[in-house]
Amino acid sequence: MSVKRVFVDTNLFVYAKFQTPQTLIQHQRAVQFLETLSDPVVVSVQVLNEFASALLKHKIDDTLIQEAVKAIAAGSTVIPMT
């Protein structure tokens, strides 16, 4: 029996973490989707790098970005880039 896993893309994490008046609906949907996942989450190192880069572009504090990346990695299986 194989285990079902869900690969989560960068944009989902960005919308869940970063909210503006223009992205309110995307933010709400991303948070809701992530909260309802019951299967194990898989992310790539590239997703984590893209997530950090996207938040840096929006001038989010480095410490907050590091904490967010660590939280994503802790709750996911991280696969290397190939």
PDB file of N, CA and C in Angstrom:
ATOM      1  N   MET A   1       0.848  -1.173   0.000  1.00  0.00           N
ATOM      2  CA  MET A   1       0.000   0.000   0.000  1.00  0.00           C
ATOM      3  C   MET A   1       0.900   1.245   0.000  1.00  0.00           C
ATOM      4  N   SER A   2       0.673   2.147  -0.926  1.00  0.00           N
ATOM      5  CA  SER A   2       1.481   3.364  -0.997  1.00  0.00           C
ATOM      6  C   SER A   2       0.847   4.477  -0.165  1.00  0.00           C
ATOM      7  N   VAL A   3       1.720   5.345   0.323  1.00  0.00           N
ATOM      8  CA  VAL A   3       1.266   6.479   1.130  1.00  0.00           C
ATOM      9  C   VAL A   3       1.007   7.654   0.204  1.00  0.00           C
ATOM     10  N   LYS A   4      -0.142   8.265   0.342  1.00  0.00           N
ATOM     11  CA  LYS A   4      -0.479   9.446  -0.449  1.00  0.00           C
ATOM     12  C   LYS A   4       0.239  10.644   0.159  1.00  0.00           C
ATOM     13  N   ARG A   5       0.889  11.445  -0.688  1.00  0.00           N
ATOM     14  CA  ARG A   5       1.578  12.652  -0.239  1.00  0.00           C
ATOM     15  C   ARG A   5       1.141  13.822  -1.111  1.00  0.00           C
ATOM     16  N   VAL A   6       1.229  15.024  -0.561  1.00  0.00           N
ATOM     17  CA  VAL A   6       0.814  16.230  -1.276  1.00  0.00           C
ATOM     18  C   VAL A   6       2.023  17.138  -1.444  1.00  0.00           C
ATOM     19  N   PHE A   7       2.376  17.437  -2.703  1.00  0.00           N
ATOM     20  CA  PHE A   7       3.453  18.384  -2.968  1.00  0.00           C
ATOM     21  C   PHE A   7       2.852  19.785  -2.966  1.00  0.00           C
ATOM     22  N   VAL A   8       3.412  20.665  -2.143  1.00  0.00           N
ATOM     23  CA  VAL A   8       2.897  22.031  -2.028  1.00  0.00           C
ATOM     24  C   VAL A   8       3.877  22.982  -2.703  1.00  0.00           C
ATOM     25  N   ASP A   9       3.343  23.837  -3.561  1.00  0.00           N
ATOM     26  CA  ASP A   9       4.144  24.781  -4.330  1.00  0.00           C
ATOM     27  C   ASP A   9       4.379  26.073  -3.555  1.00  0.00           C
ATOM     28  N   THR A  10       5.372  26.806  -3.992  1.00  0.00           N
ATOM     29  CA  THR A  10       5.787  28.059  -3.365  1.00  0.00           C
ATOM     30  C   THR A  10       4.637  29.032  -3.164  1.00  0.00           C
ATOM     31  N   ASN A  11       3.847  29.263  -4.202  1.00  0.00           N
ATOM     32  CA  ASN A  11       2.801  30.287  -4.131  1.00  0.00           C
ATOM     33  C   ASN A  11       1.803  30.037  -3.011  1.00  0.00           C
ATOM     34  N   LEU A  12       1.520  28.794  -2.737  1.00  0.00           N
ATOM     35  CA  LEU A  12       0.584  28.475  -1.663  1.00  0.00           C
ATOM     36  C   LEU A  12       1.130  28.948  -0.317  1.00  0.00           C
ATOM     37  N   PHE A  13       2.399  28.696  -0.077  1.00  0.00           N
ATOM     38  CA  PHE A  13       3.015  29.153   1.171  1.00  0.00           C
ATOM     39  C   PHE A  13       3.117  30.676   1.220  1.00  0.00           C
ATOM     40  N   VAL A  14       3.445  31.296   0.095  1.00  0.00           N
ATOM     41  CA  VAL A  14       3.559  32.762   0.059  1.00  0.00           C
ATOM     42  C   VAL A  14       2.211  33.399   0.366  1.00  0.00           C
ATOM     43  N   TYR A  15       1.157  32.946  -0.290  1.00  0.00           N
ATOM     44  CA  TYR A  15      -0.172  33.514  -0.018  1.00  0.00           C
ATOM     45  C   TYR A  15      -0.609  33.254   1.417  1.00  0.00           C
ATOM     46  N   ALA A  16      -0.253  32.102   1.965  1.00  0.00           N
ATOM     47  CA  ALA A  16      -0.639  31.795   3.343  1.00  0.00           C
ATOM     48  C   ALA A  16       0.093  32.681   4.346  1.00  0.00           C
ATOM     49  N   LYS A  17       1.330  33.058   4.039  1.00  0.00           N
ATOM     50  CA  LYS A  17       2.142  33.833   4.985  1.00  0.00           C
ATOM     51  C   LYS A  17       2.004  35.338   4.791  1.00  0.00           C
ATOM     52  N   PHE A  18       1.847  35.789   3.561  1.00  0.00           N
ATOM     53  CA  PHE A  18       1.907  37.213   3.239  1.00  0.00           C
ATOM     54  C   PHE A  18       0.547  37.673   2.729  1.00  0.00           C
ATOM     55  N   GLN A  19      -0.053  38.610   3.436  1.00  0.00           N
ATOM     56  CA  GLN A  19      -1.392  39.087   3.080  1.00  0.00           C
ATOM     57  C   GLN A  19      -1.367  40.586   2.812  1.00  0.00           C
ATOM     58  N   THR A  20      -1.991  40.980   1.714  1.00  0.00           N
ATOM     59  CA  THR A  20      -2.209  42.387   1.399  1.00  0.00           C
ATOM     60  C   THR A  20      -3.696  42.544   1.094  1.00  0.00           C
ATOM     61  N   PRO A  21      -4.184  43.773   1.031  1.00  0.00           N
ATOM     62  CA  PRO A  21      -5.594  43.947   0.654  1.00  0.00           C
ATOM     63  C   PRO A  21      -5.916  43.324  -0.714  1.00  0.00           C
ATOM     64  N   GLN A  22      -4.933  43.321  -1.616  1.00  0.00           N
ATOM     65  CA  GLN A  22      -5.156  42.770  -2.953  1.00  0.00           C
ATOM     66  C   GLN A  22      -5.144  41.242  -2.966  1.00  0.00           C
ATOM     67  N   THR A  23      -4.550  40.619  -1.955  1.00  0.00           N
ATOM     68  CA  THR A  23      -4.434  39.159  -1.945  1.00  0.00           C
ATOM     69  C   THR A  23      -5.229  38.509  -0.812  1.00  0.00           C
ATOM     70  N   LEU A  24      -6.200  39.211  -0.286  1.00  0.00           N
ATOM     71  CA  LEU A  24      -6.958  38.699   0.853  1.00  0.00           C
ATOM     72  C   LEU A  24      -7.636  37.361   0.550  1.00  0.00           C
ATOM     73  N   ILE A  25      -8.278  37.255  -0.600  1.00  0.00           N
ATOM     74  CA  ILE A  25      -8.976  36.015  -0.949  1.00  0.00           C
ATOM     75  C   ILE A  25      -7.979  34.868  -1.123  1.00  0.00           C
ATOM     76  N   GLN A  26      -6.864  35.132  -1.827  1.00  0.00           N
ATOM     77  CA  GLN A  26      -5.852  34.096  -2.006  1.00  0.00           C
ATOM     78  C   GLN A  26      -5.275  33.667  -0.660  1.00  0.00           C
ATOM     79  N   HIS A  27      -5.066  34.634   0.234  1.00  0.00           N
ATOM     80  CA  HIS A  27      -4.543  34.332   1.567  1.00  0.00           C
ATOM     81  C   HIS A  27      -5.502  33.404   2.311  1.00  0.00           C
ATOM     82  N   GLN A  28      -6.766  33.756   2.323  1.00  0.00           N
ATOM     83  CA  GLN A  28      -7.755  32.949   3.036  1.00  0.00           C
ATOM     84  C   GLN A  28      -7.845  31.533   2.465  1.00  0.00           C
ATOM     85  N   ARG A  29      -7.837  31.426   1.155  1.00  0.00           N
ATOM     86  CA  ARG A  29      -7.923  30.107   0.519  1.00  0.00           C
ATOM     87  C   ARG A  29      -6.676  29.269   0.798  1.00  0.00           C
ATOM     88  N   ALA A  30      -5.513  29.900   0.754  1.00  0.00           N
ATOM     89  CA  ALA A  30      -4.264  29.171   1.013  1.00  0.00           C
ATOM     90  C   ALA A  30      -4.223  28.654   2.446  1.00  0.00           C
ATOM     91  N   VAL A  31      -4.576  29.504   3.394  1.00  0.00           N
ATOM     92  CA  VAL A  31      -4.589  29.089   4.801  1.00  0.00           C
ATOM     93  C   VAL A  31      -5.581  27.953   5.000  1.00  0.00           C
ATOM     94  N   GLN A  32      -6.764  28.105   4.439  1.00  0.00           N
ATOM     95  CA  GLN A  32      -7.793  27.073   4.576  1.00  0.00           C
ATOM     96  C   GLN A  32      -7.320  25.750   3.978  1.00  0.00           C
ATOM     97  N   PHE A  33      -6.721  25.809   2.803  1.00  0.00           N
ATOM     98  CA  PHE A  33      -6.236  24.589   2.151  1.00  0.00           C
ATOM     99  C   PHE A  33      -5.176  23.901   3.004  1.00  0.00           C
ATOM    100  N   LEU A  34      -4.200  24.666   3.482  1.00  0.00           N
ATOM    101  CA  LEU A  34      -3.133  24.071   4.291  1.00  0.00           C
ATOM    102  C   LEU A  34      -3.669  23.472   5.588  1.00  0.00           C
ATOM    103  N   GLU A  35      -4.662  24.113   6.175  1.00  0.00           N
ATOM    104  CA  GLU A  35      -5.239  23.606   7.423  1.00  0.00           C
ATOM    105  C   GLU A  35      -6.024  22.315   7.223  1.00  0.00           C
ATOM    106  N   THR A  36      -6.533  22.094   6.025  1.00  0.00           N
ATOM    107  CA  THR A  36      -7.353  20.905   5.790  1.00  0.00           C
ATOM    108  C   THR A  36      -6.560  19.713   5.265  1.00  0.00           C
ATOM    109  N   LEU A  37      -5.271  19.894   5.007  1.00  0.00           N
ATOM    110  CA  LEU A  37      -4.474  18.774   4.509  1.00  0.00           C
ATOM    111  C   LEU A  37      -4.358  17.691   5.570  1.00  0.00           C
ATOM    112  N   SER A  38      -4.669  16.475   5.184  1.00  0.00           N
ATOM    113  CA  SER A  38      -4.508  15.357   6.114  1.00  0.00           C
ATOM    114  C   SER A  38      -3.386  14.425   5.671  1.00  0.00           C
ATOM    115  N   ASP A  39      -2.993  14.526   4.410  1.00  0.00           N
ATOM    116  CA  ASP A  39      -1.896  13.706   3.900  1.00  0.00           C
ATOM    117  C   ASP A  39      -0.568  14.410   4.156  1.00  0.00           C
ATOM    118  N   PRO A  40       0.526  13.641   4.254  1.00  0.00           N
ATOM    119  CA  PRO A  40       1.836  14.256   4.483  1.00  0.00           C
ATOM    120  C   PRO A  40       2.201  15.246   3.371  1.00  0.00           C
ATOM    121  N   VAL A  41       2.786  16.362   3.775  1.00  0.00           N
ATOM    122  CA  VAL A  41       3.185  17.415   2.838  1.00  0.00           C
ATOM    123  C   VAL A  41       4.635  17.196   2.422  1.00  0.00           C
ATOM    124  N   VAL A  42       4.889  17.389   1.135  1.00  0.00           N
ATOM    125  CA  VAL A  42       6.231  17.291   0.580  1.00  0.00           C
ATOM    126  C   VAL A  42       6.560  18.625  -0.070  1.00  0.00           C
ATOM    127  N   VAL A  43       7.760  19.136   0.205  1.00  0.00           N
ATOM    128  CA  VAL A  43       8.249  20.344  -0.452  1.00  0.00           C
ATOM    129  C   VAL A  43       9.668  20.074  -0.921  1.00  0.00           C
ATOM    130  N   SER A  44      10.096  20.822  -1.909  1.00  0.00           N
ATOM    131  CA  SER A  44      11.479  20.712  -2.361  1.00  0.00           C
ATOM    132  C   SER A  44      12.293  21.850  -1.760  1.00  0.00           C
ATOM    133  N   VAL A  45      13.595  21.671  -1.782  1.00  0.00           N
ATOM    134  CA  VAL A  45      14.491  22.736  -1.339  1.00  0.00           C
ATOM    135  C   VAL A  45      14.250  23.982  -2.185  1.00  0.00           C
ATOM    136  N   GLN A  46      13.957  23.793  -3.464  1.00  0.00           N
ATOM    137  CA  GLN A  46      13.678  24.920  -4.348  1.00  0.00           C
ATOM    138  C   GLN A  46      12.465  25.704  -3.871  1.00  0.00           C
ATOM    139  N   VAL A  47      11.424  25.024  -3.422  1.00  0.00           N
ATOM    140  CA  VAL A  47      10.231  25.703  -2.900  1.00  0.00           C
ATOM    141  C   VAL A  47      10.606  26.555  -1.694  1.00  0.00           C
ATOM    142  N   LEU A  48      11.411  26.017  -0.787  1.00  0.00           N
ATOM    143  CA  LEU A  48      11.829  26.786   0.387  1.00  0.00           C
ATOM    144  C   LEU A  48      12.641  28.014  -0.019  1.00  0.00           C
ATOM    145  N   ASN A  49      13.543  27.855  -0.992  1.00  0.00           N
ATOM    146  CA  ASN A  49      14.338  28.992  -1.473  1.00  0.00           C
ATOM    147  C   ASN A  49      13.463  30.050  -2.140  1.00  0.00           C
ATOM    148  N   GLU A  50      12.536  29.619  -2.970  1.00  0.00           N
ATOM    149  CA  GLU A  50      11.633  30.559  -3.646  1.00  0.00           C
ATOM    150  C   GLU A  50      10.745  31.286  -2.640  1.00  0.00           C
ATOM    151  N   PHE A  51      10.277  30.569  -1.618  1.00  0.00           N
ATOM    152  CA  PHE A  51       9.455  31.165  -0.567  1.00  0.00           C
ATOM    153  C   PHE A  51      10.229  32.270   0.140  1.00  0.00           C
ATOM    154  N   ALA A  52      11.452  31.974   0.560  1.00  0.00           N
ATOM    155  CA  ALA A  52      12.277  32.971   1.246  1.00  0.00           C
ATOM    156  C   ALA A  52      12.546  34.165   0.338  1.00  0.00           C
ATOM    157  N   SER A  53      12.844  33.913  -0.908  1.00  0.00           N
ATOM    158  CA  SER A  53      13.114  34.989  -1.860  1.00  0.00           C
ATOM    159  C   SER A  53      11.893  35.881  -2.061  1.00  0.00           C
ATOM    160  N   ALA A  54      10.720  35.279  -2.175  1.00  0.00           N
ATOM    161  CA  ALA A  54       9.487  36.056  -2.367  1.00  0.00           C
ATOM    162  C   ALA A  54       9.217  36.950  -1.165  1.00  0.00           C
ATOM    163  N   LEU A  55       9.431  36.435   0.041  1.00  0.00           N
ATOM    164  CA  LEU A  55       9.200  37.256   1.229  1.00  0.00           C
ATOM    165  C   LEU A  55      10.249  38.356   1.360  1.00  0.00           C
ATOM    166  N   LEU A  56      11.489  38.068   0.964  1.00  0.00           N
ATOM    167  CA  LEU A  56      12.524  39.110   0.984  1.00  0.00           C
ATOM    168  C   LEU A  56      12.155  40.271   0.064  1.00  0.00           C
ATOM    169  N   LYS A  57      11.573  39.962  -1.089  1.00  0.00           N
ATOM    170  CA  LYS A  57      11.161  41.008  -2.029  1.00  0.00           C
ATOM    171  C   LYS A  57      10.114  41.930  -1.417  1.00  0.00           C
ATOM    172  N   HIS A  58       9.333  41.393  -0.475  1.00  0.00           N
ATOM    173  CA  HIS A  58       8.305  42.192   0.197  1.00  0.00           C
ATOM    174  C   HIS A  58       8.810  42.790   1.505  1.00  0.00           C
ATOM    175  N   LYS A  59      10.134  42.744   1.679  1.00  0.00           N
ATOM    176  CA  LYS A  59      10.801  43.370   2.831  1.00  0.00           C
ATOM    177  C   LYS A  59      10.352  42.790   4.178  1.00  0.00           C
ATOM    178  N   ILE A  60      10.061  41.494   4.199  1.00  0.00           N
ATOM    179  CA  ILE A  60       9.754  40.809   5.450  1.00  0.00           C
ATOM    180  C   ILE A  60      11.068  40.611   6.206  1.00  0.00           C
ATOM    181  N   ASP A  61      11.026  40.744   7.515  1.00  0.00           N
ATOM    182  CA  ASP A  61      12.208  40.613   8.359  1.00  0.00           C
ATOM    183  C   ASP A  61      12.853  39.230   8.192  1.00  0.00           C
ATOM    184  N   ASP A  62      14.190  39.221   8.108  1.00  0.00           N
ATOM    185  CA  ASP A  62      14.932  37.969   7.924  1.00  0.00           C
ATOM    186  C   ASP A  62      14.607  36.924   8.989  1.00  0.00           C
ATOM    187  N   THR A  63      14.488  37.365  10.226  1.00  0.00           N
ATOM    188  CA  THR A  63      14.202  36.428  11.314  1.00  0.00           C
ATOM    189  C   THR A  63      12.847  35.761  11.117  1.00  0.00           C
ATOM    190  N   LEU A  64      11.858  36.535  10.700  1.00  0.00           N
ATOM    191  CA  LEU A  64      10.528  35.966  10.445  1.00  0.00           C
ATOM    192  C   LEU A  64      10.560  34.977   9.282  1.00  0.00           C
ATOM    193  N   ILE A  65      11.351  35.298   8.271  1.00  0.00           N
ATOM    194  CA  ILE A  65      11.479  34.397   7.124  1.00  0.00           C
ATOM    195  C   ILE A  65      12.122  33.086   7.558  1.00  0.00           C
ATOM    196  N   GLN A  66      13.202  33.190   8.331  1.00  0.00           N
ATOM    197  CA  GLN A  66      13.880  31.976   8.804  1.00  0.00           C
ATOM    198  C   GLN A  66      12.941  31.109   9.636  1.00  0.00           C
ATOM    199  N   GLU A  67      12.168  31.742  10.502  1.00  0.00           N
ATOM    200  CA  GLU A  67      11.213  30.993  11.330  1.00  0.00           C
ATOM    201  C   GLU A  67      10.151  30.315  10.467  1.00  0.00           C
ATOM    202  N   ALA A  68       9.682  31.025   9.447  1.00  0.00           N
ATOM    203  CA  ALA A  68       8.659  30.456   8.566  1.00  0.00           C
ATOM    204  C   ALA A  68       9.216  29.273   7.770  1.00  0.00           C
ATOM    205  N   VAL A  69      10.440  29.407   7.271  1.00  0.00           N
ATOM    206  CA  VAL A  69      11.063  28.312   6.520  1.00  0.00           C
ATOM    207  C   VAL A  69      11.256  27.097   7.429  1.00  0.00           C
ATOM    208  N   LYS A  70      11.723  27.337   8.649  1.00  0.00           N
ATOM    209  CA  LYS A  70      11.905  26.232   9.601  1.00  0.00           C
ATOM    210  C   LYS A  70      10.577  25.548   9.913  1.00  0.00           C
ATOM    211  N   ALA A  71       9.516  26.330  10.048  1.00  0.00           N
ATOM    212  CA  ALA A  71       8.197  25.758  10.342  1.00  0.00           C
ATOM    213  C   ALA A  71       7.697  24.904   9.177  1.00  0.00           C
ATOM    214  N   ILE A  72       7.888  25.392   7.962  1.00  0.00           N
ATOM    215  CA  ILE A  72       7.480  24.615   6.788  1.00  0.00           C
ATOM    216  C   ILE A  72       8.275  23.317   6.729  1.00  0.00           C
ATOM    217  N   ALA A  73       9.588  23.423   6.910  1.00  0.00           N
ATOM    218  CA  ALA A  73      10.449  22.236   6.847  1.00  0.00           C
ATOM    219  C   ALA A  73      10.105  21.232   7.947  1.00  0.00           C
ATOM    220  N   ALA A  74       9.786  21.733   9.130  1.00  0.00           N
ATOM    221  CA  ALA A  74       9.467  20.841  10.252  1.00  0.00           C
ATOM    222  C   ALA A  74       8.162  20.085  10.031  1.00  0.00           C
ATOM    223  N   GLY A  75       7.240  20.692   9.296  1.00  0.00           N
ATOM    224  CA  GLY A  75       5.948  20.054   9.067  1.00  0.00           C
ATOM    225  C   GLY A  75       5.846  19.329   7.742  1.00  0.00           C
ATOM    226  N   SER A  76       6.980  19.162   7.069  1.00  0.00           N
ATOM    227  CA  SER A  76       6.982  18.585   5.728  1.00  0.00           C
ATOM    228  C   SER A  76       8.138  17.609   5.566  1.00  0.00           C
ATOM    229  N   THR A  77       8.044  16.845   4.497  1.00  0.00           N
ATOM    230  CA  THR A  77       9.203  16.095   4.033  1.00  0.00           C
ATOM    231  C   THR A  77       9.869  16.966   2.988  1.00  0.00           C
ATOM    232  N   VAL A  78      11.144  17.295   3.192  1.00  0.00           N
ATOM    233  CA  VAL A  78      11.870  18.154   2.260  1.00  0.00           C
ATOM    234  C   VAL A  78      12.704  17.265   1.348  1.00  0.00           C
ATOM    235  N   ILE A  79      12.497  17.435   0.044  1.00  0.00           N
ATOM    236  CA  ILE A  79      13.255  16.651  -0.927  1.00  0.00           C
ATOM    237  C   ILE A  79      14.294  17.543  -1.591  1.00  0.00           C
ATOM    238  N   PRO A  80      15.457  16.985  -1.913  1.00  0.00           N
ATOM    239  CA  PRO A  80      16.519  17.788  -2.523  1.00  0.00           C
ATOM    240  C   PRO A  80      16.189  18.149  -3.969  1.00  0.00           C
ATOM    241  N   MET A  81      16.889  19.159  -4.446  1.00  0.00           N
ATOM    242  CA  MET A  81      16.768  19.519  -5.859  1.00  0.00           C
ATOM    243  C   MET A  81      17.598  18.526  -6.653  1.00  0.00           C
ATOM    244  N   THR A  82      17.107  18.188  -7.835  1.00  0.00           N
ATOM    245  CA  THR A  82      17.871  17.267  -8.678  1.00  0.00           C
ATOM    246  C   THR A  82      18.100  17.869 -10.030  1.00  0.00           C
TER     247      THR A  82
END
